[in-house]
């Protein structure tokens, strides 16, 4: 550790922080969109029972 200059170490840490935040800036919205798409898919493909109001509306239409 003593052979690395303090300025170089600080720059390396700042670069690591920058790129980790950049990666999170991409990953977090992607995860949110994944959850939104999965929940929409689940709602659209939810099995409808014959006793529910939605089932009666679907048969009447």
C-alpha atoms as a PDB file:
ATOM      1  CA  UNK A   1       0.000   0.000   0.000  1.00  0.00           C
ATOM      2  CA  UNK A   2       2.900   2.352   0.603  1.00  0.00           C
ATOM      3  CA  UNK A   3       4.054   2.240  -3.054  1.00  0.00           C
ATOM      4  CA  UNK A   4       0.718   3.760  -4.290  1.00  0.00           C
ATOM      5  CA  UNK A   5       0.512   7.551  -4.243  1.00  0.00           C
ATOM      6  CA  UNK A   6      -2.405   8.956  -2.223  1.00  0.00           C
ATOM      7  CA  UNK A   7      -3.645  10.954  -5.215  1.00  0.00           C
ATOM      8  CA  UNK A   8      -3.679   7.891  -7.429  1.00  0.00           C
ATOM      9  CA  UNK A   9      -5.556   5.910  -4.784  1.00  0.00           C
ATOM     10  CA  UNK A  10      -8.118   8.692  -4.415  1.00  0.00           C
ATOM     11  CA  UNK A  11      -8.623   8.869  -8.197  1.00  0.00           C
ATOM     12  CA  UNK A  12      -9.082   5.104  -8.345  1.00  0.00           C
ATOM     13  CA  UNK A  13     -11.687   5.187  -5.585  1.00  0.00           C
ATOM     14  CA  UNK A  14     -13.508   8.081  -7.276  1.00  0.00           C
ATOM     15  CA  UNK A  15     -13.550   6.192 -10.572  1.00  0.00           C
ATOM     16  CA  UNK A  16     -14.893   3.066  -8.878  1.00  0.00           C
ATOM     17  CA  UNK A  17     -17.661   5.102  -7.240  1.00  0.00           C
ATOM     18  CA  UNK A  18     -18.535   6.825 -10.508  1.00  0.00           C
ATOM     19  CA  UNK A  19     -18.832   3.587 -12.464  1.00  0.00           C
ATOM     20  CA  UNK A  20     -20.725   1.798  -9.688  1.00  0.00           C
ATOM     21  CA  UNK A  21     -23.272   4.642  -9.581  1.00  0.00           C
ATOM     22  CA  UNK A  22     -23.467   4.535 -13.376  1.00  0.00           C
ATOM     23  CA  UNK A  23     -24.166   0.802 -13.239  1.00  0.00           C
ATOM     24  CA  UNK A  24     -26.893   1.347 -10.626  1.00  0.00           C
ATOM     25  CA  UNK A  25     -28.341   4.115 -12.785  1.00  0.00           C
ATOM     26  CA  UNK A  26     -28.939   1.477 -15.443  1.00  0.00           C
ATOM     27  CA  UNK A  27     -29.782  -1.516 -13.236  1.00  0.00           C
ATOM     28  CA  UNK A  28     -32.393   0.073 -10.954  1.00  0.00           C
ATOM     29  CA  UNK A  29     -34.717   1.331 -13.727  1.00  0.00           C
ATOM     30  CA  UNK A  30     -34.297  -1.994 -15.518  1.00  0.00           C
ATOM     31  CA  UNK A  31     -35.376  -3.846 -12.366  1.00  0.00           C
ATOM     32  CA  UNK A  32     -38.360  -1.522 -11.905  1.00  0.00           C
ATOM     33  CA  UNK A  33     -39.440  -2.054 -15.519  1.00  0.00           C
ATOM     34  CA  UNK A  34     -39.052  -5.809 -15.069  1.00  0.00           C
ATOM     35  CA  UNK A  35     -41.330  -5.778 -12.022  1.00  0.00           C
ATOM     36  CA  UNK A  36     -43.872  -3.604 -13.843  1.00  0.00           C
ATOM     37  CA  UNK A  37     -43.891  -5.895 -16.885  1.00  0.00           C
ATOM     38  CA  UNK A  38     -44.132  -9.027 -14.739  1.00  0.00           C
ATOM     39  CA  UNK A  39     -47.038  -7.616 -12.724  1.00  0.00           C
ATOM     40  CA  UNK A  40     -48.863  -6.578 -15.896  1.00  0.00           C
ATOM     41  CA  UNK A  41     -48.329 -10.033 -17.383  1.00  0.00           C
ATOM     42  CA  UNK A  42     -49.584 -11.646 -14.154  1.00  0.00           C
ATOM     43  CA  UNK A  43     -52.729  -9.501 -14.137  1.00  0.00           C
ATOM     44  CA  UNK A  44     -53.464 -10.206 -17.806  1.00  0.00           C
ATOM     45  CA  UNK A  45     -52.892 -13.963 -17.459  1.00  0.00           C
ATOM     46  CA  UNK A  46     -54.442 -14.462 -14.022  1.00  0.00           C
ATOM     47  CA  UNK A  47     -56.765 -17.480 -14.135  1.00  0.00           C
ATOM     48  CA  UNK A  48     -60.340 -16.255 -13.927  1.00  0.00           C
ATOM     49  CA  UNK A  49     -62.755 -18.457 -12.015  1.00  0.00           C
ATOM     50  CA  UNK A  50     -66.316 -18.954 -13.217  1.00  0.00           C
ATOM     51  CA  UNK A  51     -67.737 -17.522  -9.981  1.00  0.00           C
ATOM     52  CA  UNK A  52     -66.116 -14.120 -10.275  1.00  0.00           C
ATOM     53  CA  UNK A  53     -67.648 -10.966 -11.693  1.00  0.00           C
ATOM     54  CA  UNK A  54     -64.884 -10.787 -14.295  1.00  0.00           C
ATOM     55  CA  UNK A  55     -65.766 -14.249 -15.569  1.00  0.00           C
ATOM     56  CA  UNK A  56     -69.407 -13.262 -16.020  1.00  0.00           C
ATOM     57  CA  UNK A  57     -68.420 -10.083 -17.861  1.00  0.00           C
ATOM     58  CA  UNK A  58     -66.113 -12.024 -20.154  1.00  0.00           C
ATOM     59  CA  UNK A  59     -68.818 -14.561 -21.026  1.00  0.00           C
ATOM     60  CA  UNK A  60     -71.419 -11.870 -21.630  1.00  0.00           C
ATOM     61  CA  UNK A  61     -69.217  -9.858 -23.975  1.00  0.00           C
END
